[in-house]
Amino acid sequence: MKDLNALMQQAAQMQQRLQDAQAKMAETSASGSSGGGLVTVALKGPGDITAVTIDDSLMVPGDTEILADLIVAAHADAKRRLDEVNAALMREAAGPMAGMNIPGMPKLF
């Protein structure tokens, strides 16, 4: 019975670490850029855009396709960075369970 109590305590601790990591992820932010820094996109939490910065040199009538492509690329860069930070937070929270594939349990990176 002592082993079961220890296992339950470990499970409760892991659940708390995962909840803490999710709270940190909600506040995590990352920026990405494209065009050598001409366009920058900032993301927060699950990927909400919080800011877009566009260099004035890109504000040329008729060049909207280039600007649109740069915005998409900057968003993709920011999303990749945000995902990396969030994955690291989850790996840290999962501890020794990280990477394990237990049937019926969600994969913990």
N, C-alpha and C. Protein backbone atom coordinates (compact mmCIF):
# COMPACT_ATOMS: atom_id res chain seq x y z
N MET A 1 0.83 -1.20 0.00
CA MET A 1 0.00 0.00 0.00
C MET A 1 0.87 1.26 0.00
N LYS A 2 2.04 1.14 0.59
CA LYS A 2 2.96 2.29 0.64
C LYS A 2 3.37 2.70 -0.77
N ASP A 3 3.60 1.72 -1.65
CA ASP A 3 3.98 2.02 -3.03
C ASP A 3 2.86 2.74 -3.78
N LEU A 4 1.63 2.34 -3.53
CA LEU A 4 0.49 2.98 -4.18
C LEU A 4 0.37 4.44 -3.74
N ASN A 5 0.57 4.68 -2.45
CA ASN A 5 0.53 6.07 -1.96
C ASN A 5 1.64 6.91 -2.58
N ALA A 6 2.82 6.33 -2.71
CA ALA A 6 3.94 7.06 -3.33
C ALA A 6 3.63 7.34 -4.79
N LEU A 7 3.05 6.37 -5.49
CA LEU A 7 2.70 6.55 -6.89
C LEU A 7 1.64 7.63 -7.05
N MET A 8 0.64 7.64 -6.20
CA MET A 8 -0.41 8.66 -6.25
C MET A 8 0.18 10.04 -5.98
N GLN A 9 1.11 10.11 -5.04
CA GLN A 9 1.74 11.40 -4.73
C GLN A 9 2.56 11.90 -5.93
N GLN A 10 3.28 10.99 -6.59
CA GLN A 10 4.05 11.38 -7.77
C GLN A 10 3.13 11.85 -8.90
N ALA A 11 2.00 11.17 -9.06
CA ALA A 11 1.04 11.56 -10.09
C ALA A 11 0.48 12.95 -9.81
N ALA A 12 0.19 13.23 -8.55
CA ALA A 12 -0.33 14.55 -8.18
C ALA A 12 0.71 15.64 -8.43
N GLN A 13 1.97 15.33 -8.12
CA GLN A 13 3.04 16.29 -8.35
C GLN A 13 3.22 16.57 -9.85
N MET A 14 3.14 15.50 -10.64
CA MET A 14 3.28 15.69 -12.09
C MET A 14 2.12 16.50 -12.64
N GLN A 15 0.92 16.23 -12.16
CA GLN A 15 -0.24 16.99 -12.62
C GLN A 15 -0.05 18.47 -12.29
N GLN A 16 0.46 18.78 -11.12
CA GLN A 16 0.69 20.18 -10.74
C GLN A 16 1.75 20.81 -11.64
N ARG A 17 2.83 20.05 -11.94
CA ARG A 17 3.88 20.58 -12.83
C ARG A 17 3.32 20.86 -14.22
N LEU A 18 2.45 19.97 -14.71
CA LEU A 18 1.85 20.18 -16.03
C LEU A 18 0.93 21.40 -16.03
N GLN A 19 0.17 21.59 -14.96
CA GLN A 19 -0.70 22.77 -14.86
C GLN A 19 0.14 24.04 -14.80
N ASP A 20 1.24 23.99 -14.06
CA ASP A 20 2.14 25.15 -13.99
C ASP A 20 2.73 25.46 -15.36
N ALA A 21 3.11 24.41 -16.09
CA ALA A 21 3.67 24.61 -17.43
C ALA A 21 2.64 25.21 -18.37
N GLN A 22 1.39 24.76 -18.28
CA GLN A 22 0.34 25.32 -19.12
C GLN A 22 0.12 26.80 -18.81
N ALA A 23 0.20 27.16 -17.54
CA ALA A 23 0.06 28.57 -17.17
C ALA A 23 1.21 29.39 -17.73
N LYS A 24 2.43 28.85 -17.68
CA LYS A 24 3.58 29.54 -18.25
C LYS A 24 3.43 29.68 -19.77
N MET A 25 2.90 28.61 -20.41
CA MET A 25 2.72 28.64 -21.85
C MET A 25 1.74 29.74 -22.26
N ALA A 26 0.73 29.97 -21.45
CA ALA A 26 -0.26 31.01 -21.76
C ALA A 26 0.37 32.40 -21.75
N GLU A 27 1.45 32.55 -20.99
CA GLU A 27 2.13 33.85 -20.89
C GLU A 27 3.39 33.94 -21.74
N THR A 28 3.77 32.85 -22.38
CA THR A 28 4.98 32.82 -23.20
C THR A 28 4.78 33.63 -24.47
N SER A 29 5.82 34.32 -24.88
CA SER A 29 5.75 35.08 -26.12
C SER A 29 6.99 34.82 -26.95
N ALA A 30 6.86 35.03 -28.24
CA ALA A 30 7.99 34.86 -29.16
C ALA A 30 7.77 35.77 -30.36
N SER A 31 8.87 36.19 -30.95
CA SER A 31 8.81 37.02 -32.15
C SER A 31 9.51 36.30 -33.29
N GLY A 32 9.02 36.55 -34.48
CA GLY A 32 9.65 36.02 -35.68
C GLY A 32 9.75 37.12 -36.70
N SER A 33 10.69 36.98 -37.61
CA SER A 33 10.87 38.03 -38.62
C SER A 33 11.13 37.41 -39.98
N SER A 34 11.02 38.25 -40.99
CA SER A 34 11.31 37.85 -42.36
C SER A 34 11.82 39.07 -43.12
N GLY A 35 12.35 38.79 -44.29
CA GLY A 35 12.86 39.89 -45.11
C GLY A 35 14.01 40.62 -44.44
N GLY A 36 14.84 39.87 -43.73
CA GLY A 36 15.97 40.50 -43.04
C GLY A 36 15.54 41.46 -41.95
N GLY A 37 14.40 41.18 -41.34
CA GLY A 37 13.91 42.02 -40.25
C GLY A 37 12.95 43.12 -40.70
N LEU A 38 12.57 43.12 -41.97
CA LEU A 38 11.65 44.14 -42.45
C LEU A 38 10.23 43.94 -41.91
N VAL A 39 9.89 42.68 -41.62
CA VAL A 39 8.58 42.37 -41.04
C VAL A 39 8.82 41.54 -39.79
N THR A 40 8.18 41.93 -38.70
CA THR A 40 8.27 41.20 -37.44
C THR A 40 6.87 40.94 -36.93
N VAL A 41 6.66 39.70 -36.44
CA VAL A 41 5.37 39.32 -35.86
C VAL A 41 5.65 38.80 -34.46
N ALA A 42 4.87 39.28 -33.48
CA ALA A 42 4.98 38.81 -32.09
C ALA A 42 3.75 37.98 -31.75
N LEU A 43 3.99 36.84 -31.11
CA LEU A 43 2.92 35.94 -30.71
C LEU A 43 2.98 35.72 -29.20
N LYS A 44 1.83 35.36 -28.63
CA LYS A 44 1.75 35.07 -27.20
C LYS A 44 0.82 33.89 -26.98
N GLY A 45 1.10 33.12 -25.94
CA GLY A 45 0.23 32.02 -25.55
C GLY A 45 0.13 30.96 -26.62
N PRO A 46 -1.08 30.61 -27.02
CA PRO A 46 -1.25 29.55 -28.00
C PRO A 46 -0.95 29.98 -29.44
N GLY A 47 -0.58 31.23 -29.64
CA GLY A 47 -0.27 31.71 -30.98
C GLY A 47 -1.02 32.96 -31.37
N ASP A 48 -1.55 33.65 -30.37
CA ASP A 48 -2.27 34.90 -30.65
C ASP A 48 -1.29 35.98 -31.08
N ILE A 49 -1.60 36.66 -32.19
CA ILE A 49 -0.74 37.75 -32.67
C ILE A 49 -0.94 38.96 -31.76
N THR A 50 0.17 39.46 -31.23
CA THR A 50 0.09 40.63 -30.36
C THR A 50 0.65 41.88 -31.03
N ALA A 51 1.48 41.70 -32.07
CA ALA A 51 2.04 42.86 -32.75
C ALA A 51 2.57 42.46 -34.13
N VAL A 52 2.47 43.39 -35.05
CA VAL A 52 3.06 43.25 -36.38
C VAL A 52 3.79 44.55 -36.67
N THR A 53 5.07 44.44 -37.04
CA THR A 53 5.85 45.61 -37.38
C THR A 53 6.29 45.48 -38.83
N ILE A 54 6.04 46.52 -39.62
CA ILE A 54 6.38 46.51 -41.04
C ILE A 54 7.24 47.74 -41.33
N ASP A 55 8.39 47.50 -41.93
CA ASP A 55 9.29 48.59 -42.29
C ASP A 55 8.63 49.46 -43.36
N ASP A 56 8.78 50.76 -43.24
CA ASP A 56 8.17 51.70 -44.18
C ASP A 56 8.57 51.46 -45.63
N SER A 57 9.76 50.90 -45.85
CA SER A 57 10.23 50.68 -47.22
C SER A 57 9.36 49.67 -47.98
N LEU A 58 8.57 48.89 -47.25
CA LEU A 58 7.71 47.89 -47.89
C LEU A 58 6.34 48.46 -48.27
N MET A 59 6.09 49.69 -47.90
CA MET A 59 4.78 50.29 -48.15
C MET A 59 4.76 50.96 -49.52
N VAL A 60 4.90 50.11 -50.54
CA VAL A 60 4.92 50.57 -51.93
C VAL A 60 3.63 50.09 -52.60
N PRO A 61 2.85 51.01 -53.16
CA PRO A 61 1.63 50.59 -53.85
C PRO A 61 1.93 49.56 -54.94
N GLY A 62 1.14 48.51 -54.97
CA GLY A 62 1.32 47.47 -55.98
C GLY A 62 2.20 46.31 -55.54
N ASP A 63 2.90 46.45 -54.43
CA ASP A 63 3.77 45.38 -53.94
C ASP A 63 3.14 44.63 -52.77
N THR A 64 1.83 44.52 -52.78
CA THR A 64 1.15 43.89 -51.65
C THR A 64 1.44 42.40 -51.56
N GLU A 65 1.69 41.74 -52.68
CA GLU A 65 1.96 40.31 -52.65
C GLU A 65 3.25 40.00 -51.88
N ILE A 66 4.27 40.81 -52.10
CA ILE A 66 5.54 40.63 -51.38
C ILE A 66 5.32 40.85 -49.89
N LEU A 67 4.60 41.90 -49.54
CA LEU A 67 4.34 42.19 -48.14
C LEU A 67 3.55 41.05 -47.49
N ALA A 68 2.55 40.55 -48.17
CA ALA A 68 1.75 39.45 -47.63
C ALA A 68 2.62 38.22 -47.39
N ASP A 69 3.50 37.90 -48.34
CA ASP A 69 4.40 36.75 -48.18
C ASP A 69 5.34 36.94 -46.98
N LEU A 70 5.82 38.14 -46.80
CA LEU A 70 6.72 38.42 -45.68
C LEU A 70 5.99 38.30 -44.34
N ILE A 71 4.75 38.73 -44.29
CA ILE A 71 3.96 38.60 -43.06
C ILE A 71 3.74 37.13 -42.73
N VAL A 72 3.37 36.34 -43.73
CA VAL A 72 3.16 34.91 -43.52
C VAL A 72 4.45 34.24 -43.04
N ALA A 73 5.57 34.59 -43.65
CA ALA A 73 6.85 34.01 -43.27
C ALA A 73 7.25 34.41 -41.85
N ALA A 74 7.02 35.66 -41.49
CA ALA A 74 7.34 36.12 -40.14
C ALA A 74 6.46 35.41 -39.12
N HIS A 75 5.20 35.22 -39.43
CA HIS A 75 4.30 34.49 -38.53
C HIS A 75 4.77 33.05 -38.35
N ALA A 76 5.15 32.40 -39.44
CA ALA A 76 5.64 31.02 -39.35
C ALA A 76 6.89 30.93 -38.49
N ASP A 77 7.78 31.90 -38.61
CA ASP A 77 9.00 31.94 -37.81
C ASP A 77 8.66 32.11 -36.33
N ALA A 78 7.76 33.03 -36.03
CA ALA A 78 7.36 33.26 -34.64
C ALA A 78 6.66 32.04 -34.06
N LYS A 79 5.80 31.41 -34.84
CA LYS A 79 5.08 30.22 -34.37
C LYS A 79 6.04 29.08 -34.08
N ARG A 80 7.04 28.88 -34.93
CA ARG A 80 8.04 27.84 -34.70
C ARG A 80 8.78 28.10 -33.39
N ARG A 81 9.18 29.35 -33.17
CA ARG A 81 9.89 29.70 -31.94
C ARG A 81 9.00 29.51 -30.71
N LEU A 82 7.76 29.92 -30.79
CA LEU A 82 6.82 29.76 -29.69
C LEU A 82 6.60 28.28 -29.38
N ASP A 83 6.45 27.48 -30.42
CA ASP A 83 6.26 26.04 -30.24
C ASP A 83 7.48 25.39 -29.57
N GLU A 84 8.68 25.85 -29.93
CA GLU A 84 9.89 25.32 -29.31
C GLU A 84 9.93 25.63 -27.82
N VAL A 85 9.59 26.86 -27.46
CA VAL A 85 9.58 27.24 -26.05
C VAL A 85 8.53 26.45 -25.29
N ASN A 86 7.33 26.33 -25.86
CA ASN A 86 6.26 25.59 -25.20
C ASN A 86 6.59 24.11 -25.06
N ALA A 87 7.22 23.53 -26.07
CA ALA A 87 7.62 22.12 -25.98
C ALA A 87 8.65 21.92 -24.88
N ALA A 88 9.59 22.86 -24.75
CA ALA A 88 10.58 22.77 -23.68
C ALA A 88 9.93 22.86 -22.31
N LEU A 89 8.95 23.73 -22.17
CA LEU A 89 8.23 23.84 -20.89
C LEU A 89 7.51 22.54 -20.55
N MET A 90 6.90 21.91 -21.54
CA MET A 90 6.20 20.65 -21.29
C MET A 90 7.17 19.51 -20.99
N ARG A 91 8.31 19.47 -21.69
CA ARG A 91 9.31 18.44 -21.40
C ARG A 91 9.82 18.58 -19.98
N GLU A 92 10.06 19.82 -19.57
CA GLU A 92 10.54 20.08 -18.21
C GLU A 92 9.50 19.65 -17.18
N ALA A 93 8.24 19.95 -17.45
CA ALA A 93 7.17 19.59 -16.52
C ALA A 93 6.96 18.08 -16.46
N ALA A 94 7.12 17.40 -17.60
CA ALA A 94 6.88 15.96 -17.64
C ALA A 94 8.00 15.18 -16.97
N GLY A 95 9.18 15.78 -16.87
CA GLY A 95 10.30 15.11 -16.21
C GLY A 95 10.61 13.77 -16.83
N PRO A 96 10.72 12.72 -16.02
CA PRO A 96 11.08 11.40 -16.55
C PRO A 96 10.01 10.79 -17.45
N MET A 97 8.80 11.33 -17.42
CA MET A 97 7.72 10.82 -18.27
C MET A 97 7.81 11.37 -19.69
N ALA A 98 8.65 12.37 -19.93
CA ALA A 98 8.76 12.98 -21.25
C ALA A 98 9.20 11.93 -22.27
N GLY A 99 8.51 11.89 -23.38
CA GLY A 99 8.86 10.98 -24.44
C GLY A 99 8.27 9.59 -24.31
N MET A 100 7.66 9.29 -23.18
CA MET A 100 7.07 7.97 -23.00
C MET A 100 5.74 7.90 -23.75
N ASN A 101 5.46 6.77 -24.32
CA ASN A 101 4.21 6.57 -25.04
C ASN A 101 3.41 5.52 -24.28
N ILE A 102 2.61 5.97 -23.31
CA ILE A 102 1.82 5.08 -22.49
C ILE A 102 0.43 5.00 -23.09
N PRO A 103 -0.05 3.78 -23.40
CA PRO A 103 -1.38 3.64 -23.99
C PRO A 103 -2.45 4.33 -23.15
N GLY A 104 -3.31 5.10 -23.82
CA GLY A 104 -4.39 5.79 -23.13
C GLY A 104 -4.00 7.13 -22.54
N MET A 105 -2.72 7.48 -22.60
CA MET A 105 -2.26 8.75 -22.05
C MET A 105 -1.81 9.64 -23.21
N PRO A 106 -2.00 10.97 -23.08
CA PRO A 106 -1.53 11.86 -24.14
C PRO A 106 -0.01 11.84 -24.18
N LYS A 107 0.54 12.00 -25.37
CA LYS A 107 1.99 12.03 -25.52
C LYS A 107 2.53 13.30 -24.88
N LEU A 108 3.57 13.18 -24.06
CA LEU A 108 4.13 14.31 -23.33
C LEU A 108 5.47 14.71 -23.93
N PHE A 109 5.52 14.92 -25.22
CA PHE A 109 6.70 15.37 -25.94
C PHE A 109 7.80 14.36 -25.78
